[in-house]
C-alpha cells in the first residue's frame, strides 16, 4: 500500500509539473492579448496554480496546448481521486 501511495505521489508531482510547463510554453501567446496575462501564465507555470477570476476561454482548449493541458490536468485529478479513495 505504501508503494502505491509513493508511486501515485510521484505521478501527481510529474503531472502538475507538466501542467506548469504547458503554461510556460503558452505564455508567449498570452502576451499578445495583455502583458499581465502573459506574466500570469509565467507565474502559473512557475507555481502551477490556477488563475482565479479570469473568464474561461473554451476556444483555447481546442488548441494543441489546451488539449494537452486538459489531458494532464484530468490525469492529475484521476490520481488525486484514486489516492483519496484509498485513504
Protein backbone atom coordinates (compact mmCIF):
# COMPACT_ATOMS: atom_id res chain seq x y z
CA UNK A 1 0.00 0.00 0.00
CA UNK A 2 2.82 2.42 0.86
CA UNK A 3 4.49 1.72 -2.50
CA UNK A 4 1.26 2.56 -4.37
CA UNK A 5 0.94 5.84 -2.44
CA UNK A 6 4.55 6.73 -3.24
CA UNK A 7 4.06 5.98 -6.95
CA UNK A 8 0.84 7.99 -7.16
CA UNK A 9 2.53 10.88 -5.30
CA UNK A 10 5.30 11.00 -7.90
CA UNK A 11 2.82 10.67 -10.75
CA UNK A 12 0.86 13.61 -9.31
CA UNK A 13 4.04 15.67 -8.97
CA UNK A 14 5.04 14.90 -12.56
CA UNK A 15 1.58 15.76 -13.89
CA UNK A 16 1.39 19.12 -12.12
CA UNK A 17 4.90 19.97 -13.35
CA UNK A 18 3.84 19.12 -16.91
CA UNK A 19 0.81 21.39 -16.46
CA UNK A 20 3.16 24.18 -15.37
CA UNK A 21 5.41 23.56 -18.37
CA UNK A 22 2.44 23.73 -20.73
CA UNK A 23 1.52 27.13 -19.27
CA UNK A 24 5.10 28.38 -19.64
CA UNK A 25 5.09 27.33 -23.30
CA UNK A 26 1.72 29.03 -23.86
CA UNK A 27 2.78 32.23 -22.10
CA UNK A 28 4.30 33.85 -25.20
CA UNK A 29 0.91 33.76 -26.93
CA UNK A 30 -0.77 35.29 -23.88
CA UNK A 31 1.42 38.40 -24.10
CA UNK A 32 -0.39 39.27 -27.34
CA UNK A 33 -3.71 39.67 -25.52
CA UNK A 34 -2.40 41.58 -22.50
CA UNK A 35 1.08 41.81 -20.96
CA UNK A 36 -0.20 41.00 -17.48
CA UNK A 37 -1.84 37.81 -18.80
CA UNK A 38 1.49 36.64 -20.20
CA UNK A 39 3.17 37.29 -16.87
CA UNK A 40 0.37 35.44 -15.09
CA UNK A 41 0.95 32.45 -17.36
CA UNK A 42 4.65 32.55 -16.43
CA UNK A 43 3.67 32.68 -12.75
CA UNK A 44 1.23 29.84 -13.32
CA UNK A 45 3.98 27.80 -14.91
CA UNK A 46 6.35 28.54 -12.04
CA UNK A 47 3.81 27.82 -9.31
CA UNK A 48 1.41 25.53 -11.22
CA UNK A 49 -1.66 27.24 -9.69
CA UNK A 50 -4.92 28.34 -11.31
CA UNK A 51 -5.74 31.88 -12.38
CA UNK A 52 -8.83 32.95 -10.43
CA UNK A 53 -11.38 35.47 -11.73
CA UNK A 54 -10.33 35.16 -15.36
CA UNK A 55 -13.13 34.26 -17.72
CA UNK A 56 -12.98 30.76 -19.18
CA UNK A 57 -11.63 30.54 -22.71
CA UNK A 58 -13.14 27.34 -24.10
CA UNK A 59 -11.93 28.16 -27.62
CA UNK A 60 -8.34 27.93 -26.33
CA UNK A 61 -9.00 24.41 -25.03
CA UNK A 62 -9.12 23.18 -28.62
CA UNK A 63 -5.56 24.33 -29.41
CA UNK A 64 -2.88 21.64 -29.08
CA UNK A 65 -1.51 23.07 -25.81
CA UNK A 66 -5.04 23.44 -24.47
CA UNK A 67 -5.85 19.80 -25.21
CA UNK A 68 -2.54 18.69 -23.66
CA UNK A 69 -3.21 20.78 -20.56
CA UNK A 70 -6.73 19.39 -20.14
CA UNK A 71 -5.48 15.82 -20.52
CA UNK A 72 -2.69 16.28 -17.98
CA UNK A 73 -4.96 18.10 -15.53
CA UNK A 74 -7.57 15.35 -15.93
CA UNK A 75 -4.94 12.70 -15.21
CA UNK A 76 -3.86 14.67 -12.16
CA UNK A 77 -7.44 14.73 -10.89
CA UNK A 78 -7.76 10.97 -11.53
CA UNK A 79 -4.61 10.31 -9.49
CA UNK A 80 -5.93 12.58 -6.74
CA UNK A 81 -9.29 10.77 -6.72
CA UNK A 82 -7.61 7.36 -6.70
CA UNK A 83 -5.39 8.39 -3.81
CA UNK A 84 -8.28 9.88 -1.77
CA UNK A 85 -10.38 6.78 -2.34
CA UNK A 86 -7.61 4.54 -0.99
CA UNK A 87 -7.06 6.51 2.23
